[in-house]
Every structure is written in C-alpha cells, then in structure tokens.
N, C-alpha and C. Protein backbone atom coordinates (compact mmCIF):
# COMPACT_ATOMS: atom_id res chain seq x y z
N MET A 1 6.37 1.80 -10.88
CA MET A 1 5.37 2.61 -10.29
C MET A 1 5.69 2.99 -8.64
N LEU A 2 5.93 2.46 -8.10
CA LEU A 2 5.51 1.77 -6.22
C LEU A 2 6.83 2.75 -6.15
N ALA A 3 7.71 3.48 -6.58
CA ALA A 3 9.15 3.97 -6.55
C ALA A 3 8.91 5.33 -7.16
N ARG A 4 7.46 5.78 -7.37
CA ARG A 4 7.14 7.31 -7.00
C ARG A 4 6.70 7.55 -5.70
N LEU A 5 6.51 6.44 -5.18
CA LEU A 5 5.32 6.38 -4.02
C LEU A 5 5.75 7.73 -2.45
N PRO A 6 7.47 6.89 -2.51
CA PRO A 6 7.85 8.51 -1.37
C PRO A 6 7.00 10.11 -1.48
N LYS A 7 7.92 10.60 -2.75
CA LYS A 7 7.21 11.31 -3.56
C LYS A 7 6.01 11.95 -4.04
N LEU A 8 4.95 11.36 -4.55
CA LEU A 8 3.49 11.32 -3.96
C LEU A 8 2.90 12.02 -3.29
N VAL A 9 3.31 10.69 -1.70
CA VAL A 9 3.02 10.41 0.11
C VAL A 9 3.32 11.71 0.15
N ASN A 10 4.37 12.43 0.41
CA ASN A 10 5.15 12.99 1.25
C ASN A 10 5.26 14.38 0.79
N GLU A 11 4.51 14.72 -0.49
CA GLU A 11 4.38 15.65 -0.90
C GLU A 11 2.65 16.48 -0.53
N ASN A 12 2.06 15.37 -0.11
CA ASN A 12 0.59 15.56 0.13
C ASN A 12 0.36 15.60 1.74
N GLN A 13 0.85 17.16 2.30
CA GLN A 13 1.14 17.68 3.59
C GLN A 13 -0.40 16.44 4.73
N ALA A 14 -1.66 16.69 4.06
CA ALA A 14 -2.80 16.13 3.80
C ALA A 14 -2.60 14.30 4.98
N LEU A 15 -2.14 13.89 3.60
CA LEU A 15 -1.87 12.59 4.16
C LEU A 15 -0.39 12.54 5.37
N VAL A 16 0.44 12.81 5.08
CA VAL A 16 1.57 12.88 5.45
C VAL A 16 0.88 12.91 7.26
N HIS A 17 -0.12 14.02 7.87
CA HIS A 17 -0.69 14.77 8.60
C HIS A 17 -1.25 12.96 9.46
N ARG A 18 -2.05 13.24 8.41
CA ARG A 18 -2.86 11.76 8.71
C ARG A 18 -2.12 10.36 9.70
N GLY A 19 -0.94 9.79 8.65
CA GLY A 19 -0.39 8.93 9.13
C GLY A 19 0.76 9.39 10.06
N ARG A 20 1.07 10.32 11.00
CA ARG A 20 1.78 10.66 11.95
C ARG A 20 1.85 10.32 12.50
N PHE A 21 1.04 9.18 13.09
CA PHE A 21 1.20 8.72 14.50
C PHE A 21 2.19 6.82 13.54
N LEU A 22 2.06 6.94 12.58
CA LEU A 22 2.05 5.28 12.35
C LEU A 22 3.84 5.29 11.35
N SER A 23 5.00 4.48 12.44
CA SER A 23 5.82 3.93 11.98
C SER A 23 5.76 2.74 11.53
N THR A 24 5.75 2.56 10.56
CA THR A 24 6.00 0.95 10.45
C THR A 24 5.88 0.34 9.16
N ARG A 25 6.83 -1.25 8.75
CA ARG A 25 7.55 -1.77 7.00
C ARG A 25 5.58 -2.42 6.75
N PHE A 26 5.44 -2.05 5.19
CA PHE A 26 4.58 -3.34 5.00
C PHE A 26 4.76 -3.36 3.49
N LEU A 27 4.60 -4.56 2.98
CA LEU A 27 4.75 -5.09 1.56
C LEU A 27 3.17 -5.03 1.03
N ILE A 28 3.74 -4.85 -0.26
CA ILE A 28 2.36 -4.48 -1.23
C ILE A 28 3.65 -5.46 -2.15
N GLY A 29 2.50 -6.08 -2.75
CA GLY A 29 2.91 -7.85 -3.62
C GLY A 29 2.40 -7.53 -4.99
N VAL A 30 2.68 -6.89 -5.62
CA VAL A 30 2.33 -6.90 -6.62
C VAL A 30 3.10 -7.75 -7.90
N GLY A 31 1.60 -8.59 -8.34
CA GLY A 31 2.22 -10.21 -9.09
C GLY A 31 3.14 -10.52 -7.72
N THR A 32 4.74 -11.59 -8.56
CA THR A 32 5.80 -12.11 -8.35
C THR A 32 6.83 -11.23 -7.43
N THR A 33 6.17 -9.84 -7.73
CA THR A 33 7.63 -9.00 -6.91
C THR A 33 6.88 -7.78 -5.91
N ASP A 34 7.60 -7.71 -4.60
CA ASP A 34 7.33 -7.90 -3.49
C ASP A 34 7.84 -5.92 -3.04
N TRP A 35 7.16 -5.02 -2.95
CA TRP A 35 8.21 -4.01 -2.37
C TRP A 35 8.12 -3.72 -1.38
N LEU A 36 9.01 -3.29 -0.20
CA LEU A 36 8.91 -2.83 1.28
C LEU A 36 8.60 -1.64 1.17
N VAL A 37 7.69 -1.18 1.55
CA VAL A 37 7.31 0.55 2.14
C VAL A 37 7.97 1.11 3.50
N LYS A 38 8.42 1.49 3.69
CA LYS A 38 8.95 2.23 5.08
C LYS A 38 8.58 3.40 5.57
N VAL A 39 7.27 3.18 6.47
CA VAL A 39 6.75 4.34 7.25
C VAL A 39 7.75 5.00 8.75
N ALA A 40 7.41 6.05 8.74
CA ALA A 40 7.71 7.08 9.73
C ALA A 40 6.77 8.19 9.99
N GLY A 41 6.00 8.85 11.01
CA GLY A 41 5.12 9.23 10.89
C GLY A 41 4.81 10.04 9.99
N GLY A 42 4.30 9.00 9.12
CA GLY A 42 3.38 9.58 8.01
C GLY A 42 3.75 9.34 6.44
N ARG A 43 5.38 9.63 7.08
CA ARG A 43 6.25 10.03 5.50
C ARG A 43 6.80 8.56 4.98
N ILE A 44 6.65 8.24 3.83
CA ILE A 44 7.56 7.32 3.00
C ILE A 44 8.80 7.93 3.26
N VAL A 45 9.34 6.45 3.89
CA VAL A 45 10.59 6.89 3.81
C VAL A 45 11.51 6.36 2.78
N LYS A 46 10.78 5.20 2.24
CA LYS A 46 11.77 4.34 2.09
C LYS A 46 11.04 3.72 0.99
N VAL A 47 11.09 2.70 -0.25
CA VAL A 47 10.47 1.91 -1.14
C VAL A 47 11.52 0.66 -1.63
N THR A 48 11.43 -0.49 -1.31
CA THR A 48 12.55 -1.10 -1.92
C THR A 48 11.68 -1.86 -2.70
N GLU A 49 12.67 -2.45 -3.88
CA GLU A 49 11.88 -3.55 -4.32
C GLU A 49 12.20 -4.97 -4.30
N GLY A 50 11.67 -6.15 -4.04
CA GLY A 50 12.14 -7.34 -2.96
C GLY A 50 12.94 -8.05 -4.43
N PRO A 51 13.38 -9.85 -3.82
CA PRO A 51 12.56 -9.99 -2.87
C PRO A 51 13.50 -9.89 -1.05
N HIS A 52 12.86 -9.91 0.12
CA HIS A 52 12.80 -9.56 1.13
C HIS A 52 12.39 -10.51 2.05
N LEU A 53 13.45 -11.63 2.06
CA LEU A 53 13.48 -12.96 2.71
C LEU A 53 14.01 -12.67 4.46
N MET A 54 14.34 -12.03 4.47
CA MET A 54 14.92 -11.56 5.77
C MET A 54 14.59 -10.43 6.39
N GLU A 55 13.74 -8.95 5.98
CA GLU A 55 13.45 -8.34 6.21
C GLU A 55 11.84 -8.21 6.85
N PRO A 56 11.73 -7.70 8.14
CA PRO A 56 10.61 -8.15 8.90
C PRO A 56 9.54 -6.54 8.18
N TRP A 57 8.36 -7.20 8.33
CA TRP A 57 7.52 -6.08 7.87
C TRP A 57 6.24 -6.47 8.84
N GLU A 58 5.11 -4.99 8.69
CA GLU A 58 3.53 -6.09 9.94
C GLU A 58 3.15 -6.26 9.14
N PHE A 59 2.68 -6.04 8.21
CA PHE A 59 1.57 -6.61 7.54
C PHE A 59 1.89 -6.41 5.62
N SER A 60 0.82 -7.26 4.73
CA SER A 60 1.26 -6.47 3.34
C SER A 60 -0.08 -7.61 2.77
N ILE A 61 -0.40 -6.71 1.36
CA ILE A 61 -1.09 -6.78 0.91
C ILE A 61 -0.85 -7.31 -0.53
N ARG A 62 -1.18 -8.18 -1.09
CA ARG A 62 -0.96 -8.80 -2.27
C ARG A 62 -2.04 -9.10 -3.35
N ALA A 63 -1.75 -8.60 -4.34
CA ALA A 63 -2.60 -8.53 -6.15
C ALA A 63 -2.22 -9.12 -7.00
N SER A 64 -2.66 -9.47 -7.95
CA SER A 64 -1.68 -9.74 -9.53
C SER A 64 -1.61 -8.77 -9.70
N GLU A 65 -0.39 -8.02 -10.72
CA GLU A 65 -0.32 -7.54 -11.38
C GLU A 65 -1.50 -6.78 -12.19
N ASN A 66 -2.47 -7.96 -13.15
CA ASN A 66 -3.54 -7.28 -13.35
C ASN A 66 -4.62 -6.20 -12.62
N ALA A 67 -4.78 -6.70 -11.20
CA ALA A 67 -5.54 -6.40 -10.31
C ALA A 67 -4.97 -5.03 -9.46
N TRP A 68 -3.52 -4.52 -9.88
CA TRP A 68 -3.27 -3.21 -9.48
C TRP A 68 -3.33 -2.51 -10.51
N ARG A 69 -2.99 -2.79 -11.21
CA ARG A 69 -3.28 -1.90 -13.15
C ARG A 69 -4.56 -1.19 -12.39
N SER A 70 -5.77 -2.25 -12.33
CA SER A 70 -7.25 -1.59 -12.29
C SER A 70 -7.29 -1.11 -11.40
N PHE A 71 -7.30 -1.21 -9.78
CA PHE A 71 -6.84 -0.15 -9.23
C PHE A 71 -6.67 0.73 -9.11
N TRP A 72 -5.25 1.29 -9.84
CA TRP A 72 -4.27 2.09 -10.05
C TRP A 72 -5.02 3.09 -11.11
N LYS A 73 -6.19 2.21 -11.56
CA LYS A 73 -6.61 3.44 -12.48
C LYS A 73 -7.32 4.59 -12.27
N PRO A 74 -7.04 5.71 -13.00
CA PRO A 74 -8.06 6.89 -12.74
C PRO A 74 -9.71 6.76 -12.04
N THR A 75 -9.95 6.47 -12.57
CA THR A 75 -11.83 5.64 -12.08
C THR A 75 -11.59 3.88 -12.63
N PRO A 76 -11.04 3.47 -11.07
CA PRO A 76 -11.54 1.98 -11.24
C PRO A 76 -12.63 1.78 -11.11
N LYS A 77 -12.86 0.29 -11.93
CA LYS A 77 -13.85 -0.09 -12.33
C LYS A 77 -14.75 -1.05 -10.88
N PRO A 78 -16.05 -1.05 -10.98
CA PRO A 78 -16.32 -2.12 -9.22
C PRO A 78 -15.19 -3.60 -9.33
N GLY A 79 -15.30 -3.54 -7.88
CA GLY A 79 -14.78 -4.91 -7.51
C GLY A 79 -13.07 -4.03 -7.23
N PHE A 80 -12.20 -2.57 -7.91
CA PHE A 80 -11.30 -3.28 -7.90
C PHE A 80 -10.79 -1.41 -7.25
N HIS A 81 -12.44 -0.54 -6.77
CA HIS A 81 -11.75 0.38 -6.71
C HIS A 81 -11.29 0.63 -4.84
N ASP A 82 -11.46 -0.86 -4.13
CA ASP A 82 -11.43 -0.25 -3.10
C ASP A 82 -10.46 -1.80 -2.57
N ILE A 83 -9.42 -1.80 -1.56
CA ILE A 83 -8.84 -2.49 -0.48
C ILE A 83 -9.68 -4.24 -0.58
N PHE A 84 -11.29 -3.64 -0.02
CA PHE A 84 -11.53 -4.68 0.79
C PHE A 84 -12.70 -4.99 -0.46
N ALA A 85 -12.56 -4.06 -1.52
CA ALA A 85 -13.42 -4.81 -1.82
C ALA A 85 -13.06 -5.98 -3.30
N MET A 86 -11.81 -5.48 -3.76
CA MET A 86 -10.62 -7.13 -4.01
C MET A 86 -9.79 -8.01 -2.93
N THR A 87 -10.32 -7.75 -1.88
CA THR A 87 -9.82 -8.73 -1.13
C THR A 87 -11.44 -9.36 -1.37
N LYS A 88 -12.43 -8.90 -1.36
CA LYS A 88 -14.16 -9.41 -1.04
C LYS A 88 -14.20 -10.39 -2.60
N SER A 89 -13.40 -9.70 -3.80
CA SER A 89 -13.43 -10.64 -4.72
C SER A 89 -12.10 -12.09 -5.05
N GLY A 90 -11.58 -11.88 -3.74
CA GLY A 90 -10.07 -12.98 -4.36
C GLY A 90 -8.91 -12.31 -5.07
N GLU A 91 -9.24 -11.23 -5.56
CA GLU A 91 -7.84 -10.38 -6.71
C GLU A 91 -6.81 -10.04 -5.01
N ALA A 92 -7.08 -9.70 -4.12
CA ALA A 92 -6.22 -9.04 -3.15
C ALA A 92 -6.30 -9.91 -1.89
N ILE A 93 -5.16 -10.15 -1.13
CA ILE A 93 -5.06 -10.74 -0.09
C ILE A 93 -4.15 -10.13 1.04
N ILE A 94 -4.99 -9.72 2.60
CA ILE A 94 -4.04 -8.99 3.61
C ILE A 94 -3.87 -9.89 4.50
N GLU A 95 -2.56 -10.24 4.73
CA GLU A 95 -1.62 -10.97 5.36
C GLU A 95 -1.17 -9.87 7.07
N GLY A 96 -0.65 -11.05 7.92
CA GLY A 96 0.19 -10.54 8.73
C GLY A 96 -0.69 -9.31 9.81
N ASN A 97 0.38 -8.84 10.74
CA ASN A 97 -0.65 -8.49 12.01
C ASN A 97 -1.11 -6.79 11.35
N ILE A 98 -2.44 -7.62 11.32
CA ILE A 98 -3.37 -6.45 10.79
C ILE A 98 -4.27 -5.32 11.66
N LYS A 99 -3.73 -5.24 12.73
CA LYS A 99 -4.22 -4.32 13.91
C LYS A 99 -3.61 -2.39 13.44
N PRO A 100 -1.85 -2.82 13.19
CA PRO A 100 -1.75 -1.46 12.35
C PRO A 100 -1.93 -0.99 11.02
N PHE A 101 -2.11 -1.99 10.44
CA PHE A 101 -3.31 -1.47 9.11
C PHE A 101 -5.52 -0.95 9.55
N MET A 102 -5.76 -2.00 10.25
CA MET A 102 -6.81 -1.03 10.71
C MET A 102 -6.91 0.56 11.31
N GLU A 103 -5.85 0.18 12.65
CA GLU A 103 -5.33 1.67 13.01
C GLU A 103 -5.29 2.59 12.37
N ASN A 104 -5.00 2.55 10.83
CA ASN A 104 -3.92 3.57 10.08
C ASN A 104 -5.03 2.96 8.58
N LEU A 105 -6.40 2.58 8.81
CA LEU A 105 -6.84 1.97 7.51
C LEU A 105 -7.01 3.59 6.58
N ARG A 106 -7.80 4.50 7.31
CA ARG A 106 -7.35 5.65 5.76
C ARG A 106 -6.18 5.99 5.33
N TYR A 107 -5.29 5.94 6.39
CA TYR A 107 -4.22 6.40 5.79
C TYR A 107 -3.51 5.38 4.32
N VAL A 108 -3.68 3.76 4.59
CA VAL A 108 -2.88 2.92 4.16
C VAL A 108 -3.60 2.60 2.75
N LYS A 109 -5.22 3.61 2.81
CA LYS A 109 -5.90 3.63 0.89
C LYS A 109 -5.33 4.28 0.67
N GLU A 110 -5.53 5.80 1.62
CA GLU A 110 -4.61 6.85 0.45
C GLU A 110 -3.32 6.95 0.02
N VAL A 111 -2.65 6.13 0.54
CA VAL A 111 -1.08 5.93 0.15
C VAL A 111 -1.15 5.28 -1.49
N LEU A 112 -1.68 4.05 -0.70
CA LEU A 112 -2.24 3.05 -1.80
C LEU A 112 -2.76 3.76 -3.11
N GLU A 113 -3.25 4.75 -2.96
CA GLU A 113 -3.99 5.15 -3.97
C GLU A 113 -3.91 6.64 -4.72
N ALA A 114 -2.66 6.95 -3.87
CA ALA A 114 -2.22 7.35 -4.27
C ALA A 114 -1.08 8.26 -5.55
N VAL A 115 -1.16 6.39 -6.34
CA VAL A 115 -0.99 5.83 -7.43
C VAL A 115 -1.41 6.17 -8.52
N ARG A 116 -2.58 6.18 -8.33
CA ARG A 116 -3.92 6.35 -9.29
C ARG A 116 -3.20 6.93 -10.43
N GLY A 117 -3.81 7.50 -11.25
CA GLY A 117 -3.68 8.30 -12.46
C GLY A 117 -2.96 8.00 -13.56
C-alpha cells in the first residue's frame, strides 16, 4: 500500500507545495514492517520496505496493521481519523526528533492520508 505513496503525493501539486521546505527521512511502522520514506522538497523520492537497521531517519510513526487499516479507510471511525487520535488512544506511537514532524504537521498528516481510499 505504501509503495503507491510517491505517485499519490507527487501528483498532488498543492501537497508538494505545502511540503516544499521539508527534506527528511521518516519511518512508518505498519505492524512489524517499517517503511522508510525519503522526502526532498515536498516530493516523495523513495519509499522502501524494511528492515532499516543502519539507515538514519528523523522520526517514526508506528501502529499495528489493524490500526493503519482503520486509519486508511475512506471514512475512518472516530479514534482512527487522525494521527494524534491514534496516539491518544495508544494505537500509535510517534518517536524520534519530532521537531520536523511538528513543523510540517499538516504536510505529514496529508501524506499519510493520501493512501486513504
């Protein structure tokens, strides 16, 4: 599912523009599988499936497969509609350097929501 992320994000010019100042690497943990997302100037350059034992990243967002499945539904149920709702209920964990995450919060949220459908 996350392999489609570059196409979904890079074809959305408003989203790319919103993230134009962000260049980073972050992890999306889906159950036991980690996906490394490389962003350059708001474009998703590469998404690779882990493990990523020796590759650096700034922050990670991890949740169970079921939690992500609920989050990625076209109309998620309450508690799965937002990353912070998932963390509040204990369904997700945000780790690492959260400064670039918070500085680009809307962009990151919309990148993750791009998979919905």
